[in-house]
Amino acid sequence: MSESEQPFTCQTYRIGAVARLTGIPPDTLRVWERRYAVVEPIRSEAGTRLYSAEDVGRLTLIKRLVDNGDAISHVAPLTLAQLRERSQGLQVAPSNETERQPCRIAVLGPTLPTLLARGGEPLSAENHGIELVGAFDDERRFRDAAAELKIDLLVLERPTIQLDRIAQISDLLTESGASQGLVVYGFASRGAVERLEAQRITAKRAPVDAAELARWCAALHGAEQRPAAETLLADIDLSSPIPRRLYDSAMLARIATASPTVRCECPHHLVQLVSSLVAFEQYSRECESRNAEDAALHAFLHAATARARATMEAALARVVEAEGIDI
């Protein structure tokens, strides 16, 4: 097996890199490990969690399933093969406006549920694309009901946010099953807000109204800002082997210099594209091994480029066959 065919079996990633690759906040990941044993990272001599490429692939699939409505407790015991099978056909976001379901919101706080109810125009799918599935002023009642609500966005009202309460907020979001959290606060330090946002929990200073909640839901469902490219790249799995090369450098050279009886320059242009992708594929792999801090980004770039190279090689193969080029 050539170097280009090797999966990332030797590469390991720290928890921050895994969070960037999978979209799972570090605190959420720790909760999932502790409560559901989603993965078992190894430990360095210094006690740092180190995750394999297979761990990253597994967590990516679990995150996708949870975002699409599966309970973490249901998908955590599945094997990698079972996760891949269950994930087939899932979309990152609905493909058009008619398919998008209302964003299901639950609100927990001392005053916000009442204020929203008195705000005039009700929260509804017709008016805002929102379905208010629960409003709670008691945390215990919310925890008891959360599992049945299938929440998309959890809105937490907090008069203050202190650094030592961040973990509790993160745990509450995890237990709720919500894919996104919005904390509406009265007073907070910049450090506390930055800590929340580092965990992909949005913090907004009060007050907030129904229209603003609608905008957050639109962003959550991808109606306004989510790029189409994110859908195309969503199923890149770092635990899968890199596609093998169909053509080595000598074969590409022979295709590029094929008989002039070929009617167009497509073979030559395709060879240039494949060669460029091969070069960048190697470059991104080398960058990954030299720069541990950016390992997550370079691993993703390598896998994405390998997929693009394999696609263009398949296109080149069809042209070679159609033009009768002998290699």
Protein backbone atom coordinates (compact mmCIF):
# COMPACT_ATOMS: atom_id res chain seq x y z
CA MET A 1 0.00 0.00 0.00
CA SER A 2 1.43 3.37 -1.05
CA GLU A 3 1.67 6.38 1.24
CA SER A 4 -1.33 7.98 -0.47
CA GLU A 5 -3.49 4.97 0.40
CA GLN A 6 -2.73 5.01 4.12
CA PRO A 7 -5.41 6.08 6.61
CA PHE A 8 -4.36 8.38 9.43
CA THR A 9 -3.67 5.51 11.80
CA CYS A 10 -0.61 7.09 13.45
CA GLN A 11 -1.87 10.64 13.82
CA THR A 12 -3.37 11.63 17.16
CA TYR A 13 -5.23 14.80 18.08
CA ARG A 14 -5.69 16.75 21.28
CA ILE A 15 -9.17 17.60 22.49
CA GLY A 16 -9.10 21.13 21.05
CA ALA A 17 -8.29 19.81 17.57
CA VAL A 18 -11.04 17.19 17.89
CA ALA A 19 -13.51 19.91 18.84
CA ARG A 20 -12.61 21.88 15.71
CA LEU A 21 -12.86 18.81 13.47
CA THR A 22 -16.15 17.49 14.82
CA GLY A 23 -17.96 20.60 16.07
CA ILE A 24 -18.35 19.04 19.53
CA PRO A 25 -17.39 21.48 22.34
CA PRO A 26 -14.64 20.10 24.62
CA ASP A 27 -16.89 20.10 27.69
CA THR A 28 -19.59 18.22 25.79
CA LEU A 29 -17.03 15.71 24.59
CA ARG A 30 -15.85 15.09 28.14
CA VAL A 31 -19.45 14.55 29.28
CA TRP A 32 -20.08 12.12 26.43
CA GLU A 33 -16.94 10.17 27.32
CA ARG A 34 -17.75 10.06 31.02
CA ARG A 35 -21.43 9.17 30.73
CA TYR A 36 -21.69 7.27 27.46
CA ALA A 37 -18.13 6.05 26.69
CA VAL A 38 -18.40 7.30 23.11
CA VAL A 39 -14.64 6.88 22.64
CA GLU A 40 -11.69 5.86 24.79
CA PRO A 41 -8.80 8.26 24.07
CA ILE A 42 -5.32 7.26 25.10
CA ARG A 43 -3.36 9.38 27.54
CA SER A 44 0.05 10.91 26.99
CA GLU A 45 2.71 10.67 29.67
CA ALA A 46 1.54 14.09 30.85
CA GLY A 47 -2.06 12.86 31.10
CA THR A 48 -3.33 14.68 27.99
CA ARG A 49 -6.20 13.08 26.06
CA LEU A 50 -5.07 11.90 22.62
CA TYR A 51 -7.64 10.86 20.02
CA SER A 52 -7.04 8.64 16.99
CA ALA A 53 -8.37 9.26 13.48
CA GLU A 54 -10.92 6.52 14.10
CA ASP A 55 -12.08 8.37 17.22
CA VAL A 56 -12.52 11.54 15.15
CA GLY A 57 -14.48 9.67 12.48
CA ARG A 58 -16.68 8.07 15.11
CA LEU A 59 -17.38 11.35 16.89
CA THR A 60 -18.18 13.10 13.60
CA LEU A 61 -20.83 10.51 12.80
CA ILE A 62 -22.26 10.61 16.32
CA LYS A 63 -22.51 14.42 16.18
CA ARG A 64 -24.30 14.20 12.83
CA LEU A 65 -26.81 11.67 14.17
CA VAL A 66 -27.45 13.66 17.34
CA ASP A 67 -27.95 16.83 15.28
CA ASN A 68 -30.55 14.92 13.25
CA GLY A 69 -32.56 13.86 16.28
CA ASP A 70 -30.96 10.68 17.67
CA ALA A 71 -30.40 10.56 21.42
CA ILE A 72 -26.74 10.33 22.38
CA SER A 73 -27.56 7.36 24.63
CA HIS A 74 -28.93 5.45 21.62
CA VAL A 75 -26.04 6.00 19.22
CA ALA A 76 -23.08 5.90 21.64
CA PRO A 77 -22.95 2.06 21.81
CA LEU A 78 -22.99 1.60 18.00
CA THR A 79 -19.90 0.40 16.16
CA LEU A 80 -18.20 2.60 13.56
CA ALA A 81 -19.73 0.50 10.77
CA GLN A 82 -23.19 0.82 12.30
CA LEU A 83 -22.76 4.58 12.67
CA ARG A 84 -21.77 4.90 9.01
CA GLU A 85 -24.77 2.85 7.92
CA ARG A 86 -27.16 4.85 10.10
CA SER A 87 -25.72 8.14 8.80
CA GLN A 88 -26.19 7.33 5.13
CA GLY A 89 -28.53 9.76 3.43
CA LEU A 90 -28.56 12.31 6.24
CA GLN A 91 -28.27 15.93 5.17
CA VAL A 92 -26.45 18.63 7.09
CA ALA A 93 -29.34 21.01 6.50
CA PRO A 94 -32.68 20.83 4.65
CA SER A 95 -32.19 21.40 0.94
CA ASN A 96 -34.91 24.01 0.47
CA GLU A 97 -37.40 26.18 2.30
CA THR A 98 -40.34 23.80 1.89
CA GLU A 99 -38.48 20.94 3.57
CA ARG A 100 -37.28 22.93 6.57
CA GLN A 101 -39.11 22.06 9.75
CA PRO A 102 -39.91 24.66 12.42
CA CYS A 103 -37.11 25.23 14.89
CA ARG A 104 -38.10 23.69 18.22
CA ILE A 105 -37.23 26.03 21.09
CA ALA A 106 -37.28 25.46 24.82
CA VAL A 107 -36.79 28.37 27.22
CA LEU A 108 -35.51 28.05 30.79
CA GLY A 109 -35.26 31.06 33.09
CA PRO A 110 -36.92 33.10 35.81
CA THR A 111 -38.59 35.78 33.65
CA LEU A 112 -38.02 35.17 29.92
CA PRO A 113 -40.85 32.59 29.45
CA THR A 114 -43.40 35.05 30.83
CA LEU A 115 -42.00 38.01 28.88
CA LEU A 116 -42.15 36.09 25.60
CA ALA A 117 -45.73 35.06 26.30
CA ARG A 118 -46.69 38.70 26.89
CA GLY A 119 -44.82 40.06 23.90
CA GLY A 120 -47.84 40.33 21.63
CA GLU A 121 -47.29 38.21 18.52
CA PRO A 122 -46.89 34.59 19.68
CA LEU A 123 -43.95 32.38 18.90
CA SER A 124 -45.18 30.09 16.14
CA ALA A 125 -44.13 28.32 12.97
CA GLU A 126 -46.43 30.55 10.92
CA ASN A 127 -45.05 33.83 12.27
CA HIS A 128 -41.42 33.05 12.95
CA GLY A 129 -40.60 29.51 11.84
CA ILE A 130 -40.45 28.64 15.55
CA GLU A 131 -42.21 26.05 17.63
CA LEU A 132 -42.02 26.80 21.36
CA VAL A 133 -42.03 23.30 22.83
CA GLY A 134 -41.53 24.29 26.45
CA ALA A 135 -41.11 27.26 28.79
CA PHE A 136 -39.76 26.54 32.26
CA ASP A 137 -38.85 28.56 35.31
CA ASP A 138 -37.76 25.48 37.28
CA GLU A 139 -34.60 23.60 36.27
CA ARG A 140 -35.67 20.29 37.80
CA ARG A 141 -38.93 20.27 35.86
CA PHE A 142 -37.02 21.11 32.71
CA ARG A 143 -34.54 18.24 33.20
CA ASP A 144 -37.42 15.81 33.72
CA ALA A 145 -39.14 16.90 30.51
CA ALA A 146 -36.15 17.65 28.22
CA ALA A 147 -35.66 14.15 26.82
CA GLU A 148 -39.13 14.13 25.27
CA LEU A 149 -39.03 17.63 23.77
CA LYS A 150 -36.55 17.06 20.88
CA ILE A 151 -35.14 20.56 21.23
CA ASP A 152 -33.25 22.34 18.43
CA LEU A 153 -32.41 25.49 20.36
CA LEU A 154 -32.22 25.80 24.14
CA VAL A 155 -32.54 29.38 25.42
CA LEU A 156 -31.15 29.78 28.93
CA GLU A 157 -31.81 32.95 30.88
CA ARG A 158 -29.11 33.80 33.42
CA PRO A 159 -29.04 37.07 35.41
CA THR A 160 -25.26 36.65 35.66
CA ILE A 161 -22.65 34.35 34.12
CA GLN A 162 -19.65 33.39 36.23
CA LEU A 163 -16.72 31.32 35.04
CA ASP A 164 -17.39 28.63 37.62
CA ARG A 165 -20.92 28.12 36.19
CA ILE A 166 -19.86 27.49 32.59
CA ALA A 167 -19.58 23.72 33.08
CA GLN A 168 -23.11 23.60 34.50
CA ILE A 169 -24.48 25.46 31.48
CA SER A 170 -22.63 23.11 29.13
CA ASP A 171 -23.92 20.04 30.97
CA LEU A 172 -27.48 21.36 30.82
CA LEU A 173 -27.20 21.87 27.07
CA THR A 174 -25.81 18.35 26.62
CA GLU A 175 -28.52 16.73 28.72
CA SER A 176 -31.24 18.61 26.86
CA GLY A 177 -30.18 17.10 23.53
CA ALA A 178 -30.35 20.54 21.89
CA SER A 179 -28.02 21.09 18.96
CA GLN A 180 -27.56 24.78 19.79
CA GLY A 181 -27.60 26.89 22.93
CA LEU A 182 -28.32 30.58 23.45
CA VAL A 183 -27.62 32.14 26.85
CA VAL A 184 -29.42 35.43 27.49
CA TYR A 185 -27.68 37.20 30.37
CA GLY A 186 -27.85 40.37 32.38
CA PHE A 187 -24.22 40.75 33.45
CA ALA A 188 -21.10 38.74 32.62
CA SER A 189 -17.38 39.17 32.34
CA ARG A 190 -15.77 39.11 28.93
CA GLY A 191 -13.89 35.96 29.94
CA ALA A 192 -17.13 34.12 30.73
CA VAL A 193 -18.71 35.11 27.41
CA GLU A 194 -15.58 34.05 25.50
CA ARG A 195 -15.55 30.72 27.33
CA LEU A 196 -19.15 30.07 26.29
CA GLU A 197 -18.51 31.03 22.69
CA ALA A 198 -15.42 28.81 22.58
CA GLN A 199 -17.82 25.95 23.34
CA ARG A 200 -20.16 27.04 20.52
CA ILE A 201 -22.73 28.41 22.95
CA THR A 202 -23.97 31.83 21.89
CA ALA A 203 -24.23 34.49 24.58
CA LYS A 204 -26.41 37.58 24.15
CA ARG A 205 -27.11 40.35 26.59
CA ALA A 206 -30.78 40.78 27.52
CA PRO A 207 -33.34 41.66 26.34
CA VAL A 208 -34.25 39.30 23.48
CA ASP A 209 -37.56 39.12 21.62
CA ALA A 210 -39.33 36.65 19.36
CA ALA A 211 -37.91 38.14 16.18
CA GLU A 212 -34.36 37.72 17.46
CA LEU A 213 -35.06 34.12 18.44
CA ALA A 214 -36.34 33.56 14.91
CA ARG A 215 -33.03 34.81 13.50
CA TRP A 216 -31.08 32.45 15.74
CA CYS A 217 -33.23 29.56 14.55
CA ALA A 218 -32.74 30.58 10.93
CA ALA A 219 -28.98 30.47 11.43
CA LEU A 220 -29.30 27.14 13.22
CA HIS A 221 -31.22 25.61 10.32
CA GLY A 222 -28.96 27.13 7.70
CA ALA A 223 -31.56 29.43 6.15
CA GLU A 224 -29.36 32.52 6.03
CA GLN A 225 -25.67 31.88 6.47
CA ARG A 226 -24.76 28.20 6.15
CA PRO A 227 -22.64 27.68 3.01
CA ALA A 228 -23.54 24.92 0.58
CA ALA A 229 -19.91 23.74 0.73
CA GLU A 230 -20.48 22.60 4.32
CA THR A 231 -22.97 20.03 3.04
CA LEU A 232 -20.50 18.76 0.44
CA LEU A 233 -17.76 18.26 3.02
CA ALA A 234 -19.91 16.99 5.88
CA ASP A 235 -19.23 13.29 5.31
CA ILE A 236 -15.43 13.43 5.14
CA ASP A 237 -14.28 10.70 7.51
CA LEU A 238 -10.67 10.88 8.71
CA SER A 239 -10.85 7.26 9.82
CA SER A 240 -11.40 6.03 6.24
CA PRO A 241 -8.42 5.11 4.04
CA ILE A 242 -7.27 7.75 1.59
CA PRO A 243 -8.38 6.75 -1.96
CA ARG A 244 -5.55 5.11 -3.87
CA ARG A 245 -4.14 6.83 -6.94
CA LEU A 246 -5.35 5.55 -10.30
CA TYR A 247 -2.45 7.10 -12.20
CA ASP A 248 1.18 7.53 -11.16
CA SER A 249 3.32 10.38 -12.50
CA ALA A 250 4.59 8.40 -15.50
CA MET A 251 1.07 7.47 -16.57
CA LEU A 252 -0.07 11.08 -16.28
CA ALA A 253 2.83 12.17 -18.46
CA ARG A 254 1.88 9.65 -21.15
CA ILE A 255 -1.73 10.85 -21.14
CA ALA A 256 -0.63 14.49 -21.38
CA THR A 257 1.58 13.75 -24.40
CA ALA A 258 -0.86 11.44 -26.13
CA SER A 259 -1.22 11.40 -29.92
CA PRO A 260 -2.21 14.75 -31.47
CA THR A 261 -5.14 13.02 -33.12
CA VAL A 262 -7.01 13.61 -29.88
CA ARG A 263 -9.68 16.14 -30.78
CA CYS A 264 -9.53 18.40 -27.72
CA GLU A 265 -7.22 19.47 -24.91
CA CYS A 266 -9.33 17.92 -22.15
CA PRO A 267 -6.87 15.08 -21.37
CA HIS A 268 -4.03 17.58 -21.00
CA HIS A 269 -6.07 19.91 -18.77
CA LEU A 270 -7.31 17.03 -16.61
CA VAL A 271 -3.73 15.81 -16.14
CA GLN A 272 -2.78 19.28 -14.93
CA LEU A 273 -5.67 19.31 -12.47
CA VAL A 274 -4.88 15.83 -11.12
CA SER A 275 -1.19 16.64 -10.83
CA SER A 276 -1.93 19.82 -8.90
CA LEU A 277 -4.24 17.96 -6.53
CA VAL A 278 -1.63 15.23 -5.99
CA ALA A 279 0.94 17.89 -5.12
CA PHE A 280 -1.36 19.68 -2.68
CA GLU A 281 -2.43 16.37 -1.18
CA GLN A 282 1.21 15.61 -0.37
CA TYR A 283 1.83 19.16 0.83
CA SER A 284 -1.11 19.12 3.25
CA ARG A 285 0.02 15.76 4.62
CA GLU A 286 3.53 17.10 5.22
CA CYS A 287 2.14 20.23 6.89
CA GLU A 288 0.08 18.05 9.21
CA SER A 289 3.15 16.14 10.40
CA ARG A 290 5.25 19.29 10.92
CA ASN A 291 2.74 21.50 12.71
CA ALA A 292 0.95 19.80 15.60
CA GLU A 293 -1.06 22.92 16.43
CA ASP A 294 -2.75 22.90 13.01
CA ALA A 295 -2.93 19.12 12.66
CA ALA A 296 -6.73 19.09 12.59
CA LEU A 297 -6.95 21.56 9.70
CA HIS A 298 -4.26 19.84 7.64
CA ALA A 299 -5.75 16.39 8.20
CA PHE A 300 -9.06 17.70 6.89
CA LEU A 301 -7.40 19.41 3.91
CA HIS A 302 -5.55 16.21 3.06
CA ALA A 303 -8.70 14.10 3.16
CA ALA A 304 -10.73 16.67 1.18
CA THR A 305 -8.01 17.02 -1.47
CA ALA A 306 -7.70 13.24 -1.79
CA ARG A 307 -11.42 13.02 -2.44
CA ALA A 308 -11.21 15.76 -5.09
CA ARG A 309 -8.22 14.02 -6.70
CA ALA A 310 -10.07 10.70 -6.81
CA THR A 311 -13.06 12.39 -8.44
CA MET A 312 -10.94 14.03 -11.13
CA GLU A 313 -9.04 10.77 -11.74
CA ALA A 314 -12.36 9.05 -12.38
CA ALA A 315 -13.25 11.80 -14.86
CA LEU A 316 -9.85 11.43 -16.51
CA ALA A 317 -10.34 7.66 -16.78
CA ARG A 318 -13.57 8.21 -18.68
CA VAL A 319 -11.83 10.60 -21.09
CA VAL A 320 -8.91 8.19 -21.59
CA GLU A 321 -11.37 5.42 -22.47
CA ALA A 322 -13.47 7.62 -24.76
CA GLU A 323 -10.43 8.92 -26.66
CA GLY A 324 -8.74 5.52 -26.83
CA ILE A 325 -5.52 6.78 -25.25
CA ASP A 326 -3.02 3.97 -24.71
CA ILE A 327 -1.14 4.26 -21.41
